[in-house]
Amino acid sequence: MKKEMIEKMHGEMKYGHVSDEMKQKMIMKKMFIKKIMEHLSDADKKKILVKMIDMKLDMVEHKAEIMREKKKLVAEKLDMKASMIDQKIELLKMVSAMLKD
C-alpha cells in the first residue's frame, strides 16, 4: 500500500498540474514516437534524438534564465524592504531624540 502511494505521488509529481486529458495526449505522443522510431534507420534515429535533446536543452536554458530573473526580482524586493526598515529606524530615532529634548 505504501509503495502504491509513493508511485502515485511520483506519477503526480512527474506531470504536475496536468489534466488527465493532457496526460493521455502526452502518453499517446510518446507511443507514437516509439512506433515511428522502430521503422527508422539508425542515422535518422540519431538525428531525431539530437533534435529532441536540443529542444530539452533550450527548455532548460530558458528555465535557468527565468530563475535568474526571479532571483534578481527577489533580491530587489528584499533590498527595498531593508531600506524601508532603515528609514523607519531613522524616523524612530528622530522621534526619540525630539521627545528627549
PDB file of N, CA and C in Angstrom:
ATOM      1  N   MET A   1       0.830  -1.197   0.000  1.00  0.00           N
ATOM      2  CA  MET A   1       0.000   0.000   0.000  1.00  0.00           C
ATOM      3  C   MET A   1       0.866   1.248   0.000  1.00  0.00           C
ATOM      4  N   LYS A   2       1.917   1.229   0.810  1.00  0.00           N
ATOM      5  CA  LYS A   2       2.800   2.385   0.880  1.00  0.00           C
ATOM      6  C   LYS A   2       3.493   2.602  -0.465  1.00  0.00           C
ATOM      7  N   LYS A   3       3.887   1.501  -1.103  1.00  0.00           N
ATOM      8  CA  LYS A   3       4.549   1.583  -2.402  1.00  0.00           C
ATOM      9  C   LYS A   3       3.606   2.201  -3.437  1.00  0.00           C
ATOM     10  N   GLU A   4       2.326   1.823  -3.395  1.00  0.00           N
ATOM     11  CA  GLU A   4       1.342   2.376  -4.317  1.00  0.00           C
ATOM     12  C   GLU A   4       1.207   3.883  -4.132  1.00  0.00           C
ATOM     13  N   MET A   5       1.217   4.323  -2.874  1.00  0.00           N
ATOM     14  CA  MET A   5       1.102   5.751  -2.599  1.00  0.00           C
ATOM     15  C   MET A   5       2.310   6.501  -3.142  1.00  0.00           C
ATOM     16  N   ILE A   6       3.497   5.905  -2.980  1.00  0.00           N
ATOM     17  CA  ILE A   6       4.713   6.544  -3.474  1.00  0.00           C
ATOM     18  C   ILE A   6       4.665   6.638  -4.995  1.00  0.00           C
ATOM     19  N   GLU A   7       4.256   5.547  -5.655  1.00  0.00           N
ATOM     20  CA  GLU A   7       4.156   5.562  -7.110  1.00  0.00           C
ATOM     21  C   GLU A   7       3.141   6.595  -7.566  1.00  0.00           C
ATOM     22  N   LYS A   8       2.017   6.673  -6.864  1.00  0.00           N
ATOM     23  CA  LYS A   8       1.001   7.658  -7.216  1.00  0.00           C
ATOM     24  C   LYS A   8       1.545   9.064  -7.027  1.00  0.00           C
ATOM     25  N   MET A   9       2.248   9.267  -5.936  1.00  0.00           N
ATOM     26  CA  MET A   9       2.811  10.578  -5.646  1.00  0.00           C
ATOM     27  C   MET A   9       3.824  10.964  -6.720  1.00  0.00           C
ATOM     28  N   HIS A  10       4.697  10.029  -7.090  1.00  0.00           N
ATOM     29  CA  HIS A  10       5.696  10.332  -8.107  1.00  0.00           C
ATOM     30  C   HIS A  10       5.045  10.546  -9.463  1.00  0.00           C
ATOM     31  N   GLY A  11       3.998   9.803  -9.749  1.00  0.00           N
ATOM     32  CA  GLY A  11       3.278   9.996 -11.006  1.00  0.00           C
ATOM     33  C   GLY A  11       2.687  11.390 -11.083  1.00  0.00           C
ATOM     34  N   GLU A  12       2.115  11.850  -9.966  1.00  0.00           N
ATOM     35  CA  GLU A  12       1.543  13.191  -9.937  1.00  0.00           C
ATOM     36  C   GLU A  12       2.629  14.244 -10.038  1.00  0.00           C
ATOM     37  N   MET A  13       3.757  13.998  -9.386  1.00  0.00           N
ATOM     38  CA  MET A  13       4.840  14.963  -9.429  1.00  0.00           C
ATOM     39  C   MET A  13       5.424  15.036 -10.835  1.00  0.00           C
ATOM     40  N   LYS A  14       5.448  13.910 -11.526  1.00  0.00           N
ATOM     41  CA  LYS A  14       6.018  13.875 -12.870  1.00  0.00           C
ATOM     42  C   LYS A  14       5.234  14.780 -13.810  1.00  0.00           C
ATOM     43  N   TYR A  15       3.924  14.734 -13.718  1.00  0.00           N
ATOM     44  CA  TYR A  15       3.091  15.516 -14.614  1.00  0.00           C
ATOM     45  C   TYR A  15       2.648  16.845 -14.016  1.00  0.00           C
ATOM     46  N   GLY A  16       2.843  17.046 -12.725  1.00  0.00           N
ATOM     47  CA  GLY A  16       2.472  18.303 -12.098  1.00  0.00           C
ATOM     48  C   GLY A  16       0.980  18.523 -12.119  1.00  0.00           C
ATOM     49  N   HIS A  17       0.565  19.695 -12.565  1.00  0.00           N
ATOM     50  CA  HIS A  17      -0.843  20.075 -12.580  1.00  0.00           C
ATOM     51  C   HIS A  17      -1.431  19.885 -13.977  1.00  0.00           C
ATOM     52  N   VAL A  18      -1.181  18.741 -14.577  1.00  0.00           N
ATOM     53  CA  VAL A  18      -1.648  18.462 -15.927  1.00  0.00           C
ATOM     54  C   VAL A  18      -2.948  17.680 -15.829  1.00  0.00           C
ATOM     55  N   SER A  19      -3.914  18.041 -16.667  1.00  0.00           N
ATOM     56  CA  SER A  19      -5.187  17.339 -16.645  1.00  0.00           C
ATOM     57  C   SER A  19      -5.031  15.924 -17.191  1.00  0.00           C
ATOM     58  N   ASP A  20      -6.012  15.077 -16.913  1.00  0.00           N
ATOM     59  CA  ASP A  20      -5.972  13.690 -17.376  1.00  0.00           C
ATOM     60  C   ASP A  20      -5.943  13.618 -18.901  1.00  0.00           C
ATOM     61  N   GLU A  21      -6.665  14.524 -19.531  1.00  0.00           N
ATOM     62  CA  GLU A  21      -6.691  14.544 -20.994  1.00  0.00           C
ATOM     63  C   GLU A  21      -5.311  14.862 -21.561  1.00  0.00           C
ATOM     64  N   MET A  22      -4.638  15.812 -20.948  1.00  0.00           N
ATOM     65  CA  MET A  22      -3.296  16.172 -21.416  1.00  0.00           C
ATOM     66  C   MET A  22      -2.308  15.042 -21.149  1.00  0.00           C
ATOM     67  N   LYS A  23      -2.449  14.367 -19.999  1.00  0.00           N
ATOM     68  CA  LYS A  23      -1.594  13.216 -19.704  1.00  0.00           C
ATOM     69  C   LYS A  23      -1.758  12.151 -20.778  1.00  0.00           C
ATOM     70  N   GLN A  24      -3.024  11.904 -21.135  1.00  0.00           N
ATOM     71  CA  GLN A  24      -3.316  10.897 -22.147  1.00  0.00           C
ATOM     72  C   GLN A  24      -2.688  11.287 -23.478  1.00  0.00           C
ATOM     73  N   LYS A  25      -2.765  12.556 -23.844  1.00  0.00           N
ATOM     74  CA  LYS A  25      -2.166  13.025 -25.093  1.00  0.00           C
ATOM     75  C   LYS A  25      -0.652  12.854 -25.068  1.00  0.00           C
ATOM     76  N   MET A  26      -0.034  13.148 -23.922  1.00  0.00           N
ATOM     77  CA  MET A  26       1.413  13.001 -23.804  1.00  0.00           C
ATOM     78  C   MET A  26       1.817  11.538 -23.943  1.00  0.00           C
ATOM     79  N   ILE A  27       1.053  10.651 -23.328  1.00  0.00           N
ATOM     80  CA  ILE A  27       1.345   9.223 -23.410  1.00  0.00           C
ATOM     81  C   ILE A  27       1.185   8.736 -24.847  1.00  0.00           C
ATOM     82  N   MET A  28       0.126   9.171 -25.497  1.00  0.00           N
ATOM     83  CA  MET A  28      -0.111   8.776 -26.888  1.00  0.00           C
ATOM     84  C   MET A  28       1.005   9.284 -27.794  1.00  0.00           C
ATOM     85  N   LYS A  29       1.464  10.496 -27.553  1.00  0.00           N
ATOM     86  CA  LYS A  29       2.538  11.069 -28.351  1.00  0.00           C
ATOM     87  C   LYS A  29       3.820  10.252 -28.184  1.00  0.00           C
ATOM     88  N   LYS A  30       4.133   9.864 -26.938  1.00  0.00           N
ATOM     89  CA  LYS A  30       5.325   9.052 -26.684  1.00  0.00           C
ATOM     90  C   LYS A  30       5.214   7.703 -27.392  1.00  0.00           C
ATOM     91  N   MET A  31       4.029   7.097 -27.337  1.00  0.00           N
ATOM     92  CA  MET A  31       3.833   5.813 -28.001  1.00  0.00           C
ATOM     93  C   MET A  31       3.987   5.959 -29.517  1.00  0.00           C
ATOM     94  N   PHE A  32       3.466   7.049 -30.066  1.00  0.00           N
ATOM     95  CA  PHE A  32       3.567   7.312 -31.497  1.00  0.00           C
ATOM     96  C   PHE A  32       5.027   7.466 -31.906  1.00  0.00           C
ATOM     97  N   ILE A  33       5.782   8.195 -31.112  1.00  0.00           N
ATOM     98  CA  ILE A  33       7.207   8.405 -31.407  1.00  0.00           C
ATOM     99  C   ILE A  33       7.947   7.071 -31.361  1.00  0.00           C
ATOM    100  N   LYS A  34       7.635   6.229 -30.361  1.00  0.00           N
ATOM    101  CA  LYS A  34       8.286   4.916 -30.272  1.00  0.00           C
ATOM    102  C   LYS A  34       7.986   4.072 -31.505  1.00  0.00           C
ATOM    103  N   LYS A  35       6.726   4.083 -31.962  1.00  0.00           N
ATOM    104  CA  LYS A  35       6.348   3.310 -33.138  1.00  0.00           C
ATOM    105  C   LYS A  35       7.101   3.799 -34.368  1.00  0.00           C
ATOM    106  N   ILE A  36       7.204   5.102 -34.522  1.00  0.00           N
ATOM    107  CA  ILE A  36       7.914   5.660 -35.676  1.00  0.00           C
ATOM    108  C   ILE A  36       9.395   5.311 -35.603  1.00  0.00           C
ATOM    109  N   MET A  37       9.965   5.400 -34.416  1.00  0.00           N
ATOM    110  CA  MET A  37      11.389   5.129 -34.241  1.00  0.00           C
ATOM    111  C   MET A  37      11.747   3.697 -34.635  1.00  0.00           C
ATOM    112  N   GLU A  38      10.816   2.771 -34.474  1.00  0.00           N
ATOM    113  CA  GLU A  38      11.081   1.378 -34.839  1.00  0.00           C
ATOM    114  C   GLU A  38      11.369   1.220 -36.333  1.00  0.00           C
ATOM    115  N   HIS A  39      10.780   2.092 -37.149  1.00  0.00           N
ATOM    116  CA  HIS A  39      10.881   1.953 -38.600  1.00  0.00           C
ATOM    117  C   HIS A  39      11.971   2.832 -39.211  1.00  0.00           C
ATOM    118  N   LEU A  40      12.674   3.588 -38.418  1.00  0.00           N
ATOM    119  CA  LEU A  40      13.696   4.486 -38.950  1.00  0.00           C
ATOM    120  C   LEU A  40      15.069   3.841 -38.936  1.00  0.00           C
ATOM    121  N   SER A  41      15.936   4.360 -39.769  1.00  0.00           N
ATOM    122  CA  SER A  41      17.320   3.884 -39.781  1.00  0.00           C
ATOM    123  C   SER A  41      18.054   4.470 -38.575  1.00  0.00           C
ATOM    124  N   ASP A  42      19.211   3.920 -38.289  1.00  0.00           N
ATOM    125  CA  ASP A  42      19.995   4.394 -37.149  1.00  0.00           C
ATOM    126  C   ASP A  42      20.389   5.861 -37.310  1.00  0.00           C
ATOM    127  N   ALA A  43      20.722   6.263 -38.532  1.00  0.00           N
ATOM    128  CA  ALA A  43      21.115   7.660 -38.774  1.00  0.00           C
ATOM    129  C   ALA A  43      19.943   8.600 -38.490  1.00  0.00           C
ATOM    130  N   ASP A  44      18.752   8.207 -38.949  1.00  0.00           N
ATOM    131  CA  ASP A  44      17.570   9.039 -38.703  1.00  0.00           C
ATOM    132  C   ASP A  44      17.235   9.093 -37.216  1.00  0.00           C
ATOM    133  N   LYS A  45      17.403   7.953 -36.531  1.00  0.00           N
ATOM    134  CA  LYS A  45      17.152   7.926 -35.090  1.00  0.00           C
ATOM    135  C   LYS A  45      18.083   8.886 -34.362  1.00  0.00           C
ATOM    136  N   LYS A  46      19.347   8.885 -34.767  1.00  0.00           N
ATOM    137  CA  LYS A  46      20.306   9.791 -34.141  1.00  0.00           C
ATOM    138  C   LYS A  46      19.921  11.242 -34.378  1.00  0.00           C
ATOM    139  N   LYS A  47      19.494  11.555 -35.610  1.00  0.00           N
ATOM    140  CA  LYS A  47      19.099  12.933 -35.925  1.00  0.00           C
ATOM    141  C   LYS A  47      17.923  13.369 -35.049  1.00  0.00           C
ATOM    142  N   ILE A  48      16.954  12.495 -34.919  1.00  0.00           N
ATOM    143  CA  ILE A  48      15.770  12.822 -34.111  1.00  0.00           C
ATOM    144  C   ILE A  48      16.151  12.981 -32.648  1.00  0.00           C
ATOM    145  N   LEU A  49      16.996  12.085 -32.150  1.00  0.00           N
ATOM    146  CA  LEU A  49      17.411  12.182 -30.756  1.00  0.00           C
ATOM    147  C   LEU A  49      18.193  13.462 -30.502  1.00  0.00           C
ATOM    148  N   VAL A  50      19.036  13.846 -31.457  1.00  0.00           N
ATOM    149  CA  VAL A  50      19.783  15.104 -31.319  1.00  0.00           C
ATOM    150  C   VAL A  50      18.816  16.281 -31.258  1.00  0.00           C
ATOM    151  N   LYS A  51      17.806  16.290 -32.116  1.00  0.00           N
ATOM    152  CA  LYS A  51      16.806  17.367 -32.112  1.00  0.00           C
ATOM    153  C   LYS A  51      16.052  17.407 -30.787  1.00  0.00           C
ATOM    154  N   MET A  52      15.688  16.233 -30.286  1.00  0.00           N
ATOM    155  CA  MET A  52      14.951  16.181 -29.018  1.00  0.00           C
ATOM    156  C   MET A  52      15.815  16.686 -27.870  1.00  0.00           C
ATOM    157  N   ILE A  53      17.085  16.310 -27.874  1.00  0.00           N
ATOM    158  CA  ILE A  53      17.984  16.773 -26.819  1.00  0.00           C
ATOM    159  C   ILE A  53      18.191  18.275 -26.928  1.00  0.00           C
ATOM    160  N   ASP A  54      18.298  18.790 -28.158  1.00  0.00           N
ATOM    161  CA  ASP A  54      18.435  20.239 -28.351  1.00  0.00           C
ATOM    162  C   ASP A  54      17.208  20.978 -27.820  1.00  0.00           C
ATOM    163  N   MET A  55      16.018  20.416 -28.062  1.00  0.00           N
ATOM    164  CA  MET A  55      14.795  21.040 -27.557  1.00  0.00           C
ATOM    165  C   MET A  55      14.795  21.055 -26.036  1.00  0.00           C
ATOM    166  N   LYS A  56      15.194  19.943 -25.416  1.00  0.00           N
ATOM    167  CA  LYS A  56      15.249  19.889 -23.960  1.00  0.00           C
ATOM    168  C   LYS A  56      16.275  20.873 -23.417  1.00  0.00           C
ATOM    169  N   LEU A  57      17.414  20.972 -24.099  1.00  0.00           N
ATOM    170  CA  LEU A  57      18.461  21.899 -23.686  1.00  0.00           C
ATOM    171  C   LEU A  57      17.946  23.335 -23.732  1.00  0.00           C
ATOM    172  N   ASP A  58      17.252  23.693 -24.816  1.00  0.00           N
ATOM    173  CA  ASP A  58      16.689  25.036 -24.923  1.00  0.00           C
ATOM    174  C   ASP A  58      15.701  25.305 -23.797  1.00  0.00           C
ATOM    175  N   MET A  59      14.882  24.310 -23.486  1.00  0.00           N
ATOM    176  CA  MET A  59      13.892  24.469 -22.435  1.00  0.00           C
ATOM    177  C   MET A  59      14.571  24.671 -21.076  1.00  0.00           C
ATOM    178  N   VAL A  60      15.616  23.900 -20.798  1.00  0.00           N
ATOM    179  CA  VAL A  60      16.323  24.019 -19.531  1.00  0.00           C
ATOM    180  C   VAL A  60      17.040  25.367 -19.441  1.00  0.00           C
ATOM    181  N   GLU A  61      17.632  25.811 -20.553  1.00  0.00           N
ATOM    182  CA  GLU A  61      18.288  27.120 -20.565  1.00  0.00           C
ATOM    183  C   GLU A  61      17.271  28.231 -20.302  1.00  0.00           C
ATOM    184  N   HIS A  62      16.091  28.099 -20.885  1.00  0.00           N
ATOM    185  CA  HIS A  62      15.039  29.097 -20.670  1.00  0.00           C
ATOM    186  C   HIS A  62      14.612  29.117 -19.204  1.00  0.00           C
ATOM    187  N   LYS A  63      14.470  27.932 -18.597  1.00  0.00           N
ATOM    188  CA  LYS A  63      14.113  27.850 -17.180  1.00  0.00           C
ATOM    189  C   LYS A  63      15.189  28.493 -16.313  1.00  0.00           C
ATOM    190  N   ALA A  64      16.446  28.255 -16.665  1.00  0.00           N
ATOM    191  CA  ALA A  64      17.552  28.843 -15.897  1.00  0.00           C
ATOM    192  C   ALA A  64      17.510  30.363 -15.990  1.00  0.00           C
ATOM    193  N   GLU A  65      17.216  30.882 -17.175  1.00  0.00           N
ATOM    194  CA  GLU A  65      17.125  32.333 -17.347  1.00  0.00           C
ATOM    195  C   GLU A  65      15.978  32.909 -16.521  1.00  0.00           C
ATOM    196  N   ILE A  66      14.863  32.213 -16.513  1.00  0.00           N
ATOM    197  CA  ILE A  66      13.713  32.656 -15.713  1.00  0.00           C
ATOM    198  C   ILE A  66      14.079  32.661 -14.232  1.00  0.00           C
ATOM    199  N   MET A  67      14.797  31.634 -13.786  1.00  0.00           N
ATOM    200  CA  MET A  67      15.197  31.568 -12.381  1.00  0.00           C
ATOM    201  C   MET A  67      16.149  32.706 -12.025  1.00  0.00           C
ATOM    202  N   ARG A  68      17.061  33.048 -12.943  1.00  0.00           N
ATOM    203  CA  ARG A  68      17.974  34.166 -12.686  1.00  0.00           C
ATOM    204  C   ARG A  68      17.204  35.477 -12.554  1.00  0.00           C
ATOM    205  N   GLU A  69      16.228  35.668 -13.432  1.00  0.00           N
ATOM    206  CA  GLU A  69      15.403  36.880 -13.364  1.00  0.00           C
ATOM    207  C   GLU A  69      14.619  36.919 -12.059  1.00  0.00           C
ATOM    208  N   LYS A  70      14.075  35.773 -11.672  1.00  0.00           N
ATOM    209  CA  LYS A  70      13.314  35.685 -10.431  1.00  0.00           C
ATOM    210  C   LYS A  70      14.218  36.013  -9.238  1.00  0.00           C
ATOM    211  N   LYS A  71      15.447  35.506  -9.285  1.00  0.00           N
ATOM    212  CA  LYS A  71      16.405  35.764  -8.224  1.00  0.00           C
ATOM    213  C   LYS A  71      16.693  37.264  -8.117  1.00  0.00           C
ATOM    214  N   LYS A  72      16.843  37.931  -9.257  1.00  0.00           N
ATOM    215  CA  LYS A  72      17.083  39.379  -9.260  1.00  0.00           C
ATOM    216  C   LYS A  72      15.901  40.126  -8.645  1.00  0.00           C
ATOM    217  N   LEU A  73      14.693  39.727  -9.034  1.00  0.00           N
ATOM    218  CA  LEU A  73      13.500  40.390  -8.511  1.00  0.00           C
ATOM    219  C   LEU A  73      13.376  40.216  -7.003  1.00  0.00           C
ATOM    220  N   VAL A  74      13.639  39.021  -6.521  1.00  0.00           N
ATOM    221  CA  VAL A  74      13.560  38.763  -5.082  1.00  0.00           C
ATOM    222  C   VAL A  74      14.613  39.586  -4.350  1.00  0.00           C
ATOM    223  N   ALA A  75      15.814  39.656  -4.916  1.00  0.00           N
ATOM    224  CA  ALA A  75      16.884  40.447  -4.285  1.00  0.00           C
ATOM    225  C   ALA A  75      16.495  41.929  -4.229  1.00  0.00           C
ATOM    226  N   GLU A  76      15.920  42.442  -5.312  1.00  0.00           N
ATOM    227  CA  GLU A  76      15.483  43.838  -5.326  1.00  0.00           C
ATOM    228  C   GLU A  76      14.400  44.072  -4.279  1.00  0.00           C
ATOM    229  N   LYS A  77      13.474  43.143  -4.168  1.00  0.00           N
ATOM    230  CA  LYS A  77      12.394  43.270  -3.192  1.00  0.00           C
ATOM    231  C   LYS A  77      12.955  43.289  -1.773  1.00  0.00           C
ATOM    232  N   LEU A  78      13.900  42.408  -1.486  1.00  0.00           N
ATOM    233  CA  LEU A  78      14.496  42.367  -0.154  1.00  0.00           C
ATOM    234  C   LEU A  78      15.298  43.640   0.134  1.00  0.00           C
ATOM    235  N   ASP A  79      16.001  44.149  -0.869  1.00  0.00           N
ATOM    236  CA  ASP A  79      16.736  45.401  -0.694  1.00  0.00           C
ATOM    237  C   ASP A  79      15.781  46.546  -0.381  1.00  0.00           C
ATOM    238  N   MET A  80      14.657  46.568  -1.083  1.00  0.00           N
ATOM    239  CA  MET A  80      13.663  47.614  -0.852  1.00  0.00           C
ATOM    240  C   MET A  80      13.108  47.515   0.571  1.00  0.00           C
ATOM    241  N   LYS A  81      12.812  46.307   1.023  1.00  0.00           N
ATOM    242  CA  LYS A  81      12.312  46.126   2.388  1.00  0.00           C
ATOM    243  C   LYS A  81      13.349  46.556   3.411  1.00  0.00           C
ATOM    244  N   ALA A  82      14.616  46.223   3.162  1.00  0.00           N
ATOM    245  CA  ALA A  82      15.686  46.606   4.084  1.00  0.00           C
ATOM    246  C   ALA A  82      15.818  48.124   4.153  1.00  0.00           C
ATOM    247  N   SER A  83      15.726  48.797   3.012  1.00  0.00           N
ATOM    248  CA  SER A  83      15.835  50.258   3.022  1.00  0.00           C
ATOM    249  C   SER A  83      14.640  50.884   3.745  1.00  0.00           C
ATOM    250  N   MET A  84      13.465  50.289   3.589  1.00  0.00           N
ATOM    251  CA  MET A  84      12.297  50.804   4.299  1.00  0.00           C
ATOM    252  C   MET A  84      12.479  50.641   5.806  1.00  0.00           C
ATOM    253  N   ILE A  85      13.042  49.531   6.228  1.00  0.00           N
ATOM    254  CA  ILE A  85      13.291  49.316   7.655  1.00  0.00           C
ATOM    255  C   ILE A  85      14.317  50.316   8.162  1.00  0.00           C
ATOM    256  N   ASP A  86      15.352  50.573   7.356  1.00  0.00           N
ATOM    257  CA  ASP A  86      16.356  51.573   7.744  1.00  0.00           C
ATOM    258  C   ASP A  86      15.724  52.955   7.903  1.00  0.00           C
ATOM    259  N   GLN A  87      14.828  53.309   6.983  1.00  0.00           N
ATOM    260  CA  GLN A  87      14.136  54.599   7.083  1.00  0.00           C
ATOM    261  C   GLN A  87      13.283  54.658   8.343  1.00  0.00           C
ATOM    262  N   LYS A  88      12.631  53.557   8.646  1.00  0.00           N
ATOM    263  CA  LYS A  88      11.797  53.503   9.853  1.00  0.00           C
ATOM    264  C   LYS A  88      12.658  53.676  11.100  1.00  0.00           C
ATOM    265  N   ILE A  89      13.831  53.043  11.110  1.00  0.00           N
ATOM    266  CA  ILE A  89      14.748  53.180  12.248  1.00  0.00           C
ATOM    267  C   ILE A  89      15.164  54.639  12.412  1.00  0.00           C
ATOM    268  N   GLU A  90      15.522  55.287  11.299  1.00  0.00           N
ATOM    269  CA  GLU A  90      15.918  56.698  11.353  1.00  0.00           C
ATOM    270  C   GLU A  90      14.778  57.572  11.857  1.00  0.00           C
ATOM    271  N   LEU A  91      13.570  57.305  11.404  1.00  0.00           N
ATOM    272  CA  LEU A  91      12.406  58.078  11.845  1.00  0.00           C
ATOM    273  C   LEU A  91      12.182  57.900  13.340  1.00  0.00           C
ATOM    274  N   LEU A  92      12.269  56.657  13.810  1.00  0.00           N
ATOM    275  CA  LEU A  92      12.070  56.403  15.234  1.00  0.00           C
ATOM    276  C   LEU A  92      13.166  57.055  16.074  1.00  0.00           C
ATOM    277  N   LYS A  93      14.398  57.077  15.569  1.00  0.00           N
ATOM    278  CA  LYS A  93      15.487  57.744  16.281  1.00  0.00           C
ATOM    279  C   LYS A  93      15.226  59.246  16.373  1.00  0.00           C
ATOM    280  N   MET A  94      14.736  59.824  15.275  1.00  0.00           N
ATOM    281  CA  MET A  94      14.446  61.266  15.285  1.00  0.00           C
ATOM    282  C   MET A  94      13.323  61.574  16.272  1.00  0.00           C
ATOM    283  N   VAL A  95      12.268  60.761  16.269  1.00  0.00           N
ATOM    284  CA  VAL A  95      11.157  60.972  17.193  1.00  0.00           C
ATOM    285  C   VAL A  95      11.658  60.819  18.628  1.00  0.00           C
ATOM    286  N   SER A  96      12.466  59.820  18.879  1.00  0.00           N
ATOM    287  CA  SER A  96      13.009  59.612  20.217  1.00  0.00           C
ATOM    288  C   SER A  96      13.862  60.803  20.658  1.00  0.00           C
ATOM    289  N   ALA A  97      14.695  61.315  19.757  1.00  0.00           N
ATOM    290  CA  ALA A  97      15.547  62.469  20.066  1.00  0.00           C
ATOM    291  C   ALA A  97      14.689  63.696  20.346  1.00  0.00           C
ATOM    292  N   MET A  98      13.622  63.879  19.586  1.00  0.00           N
ATOM    293  CA  MET A  98      12.755  65.049  19.775  1.00  0.00           C
ATOM    294  C   MET A  98      12.031  64.963  21.118  1.00  0.00           C
ATOM    295  N   LEU A  99      11.631  63.765  21.528  1.00  0.00           N
ATOM    296  CA  LEU A  99      10.916  63.602  22.779  1.00  0.00           C
ATOM    297  C   LEU A  99      11.844  63.753  23.994  1.00  0.00           C
ATOM    298  N   LYS A 100      13.116  63.435  23.813  1.00  0.00           N
ATOM    299  CA  LYS A 100      14.091  63.581  24.907  1.00  0.00           C
ATOM    300  C   LYS A 100      14.357  65.053  25.201  1.00  0.00           C
ATOM    301  N   ASP A 101      14.333  65.874  24.182  1.00  0.00           N
ATOM    302  CA  ASP A 101      14.626  67.305  24.369  1.00  0.00           C
ATOM    303  C   ASP A 101      13.554  68.014  25.090  1.00  0.00           C
TER     304      ASP A 101
END
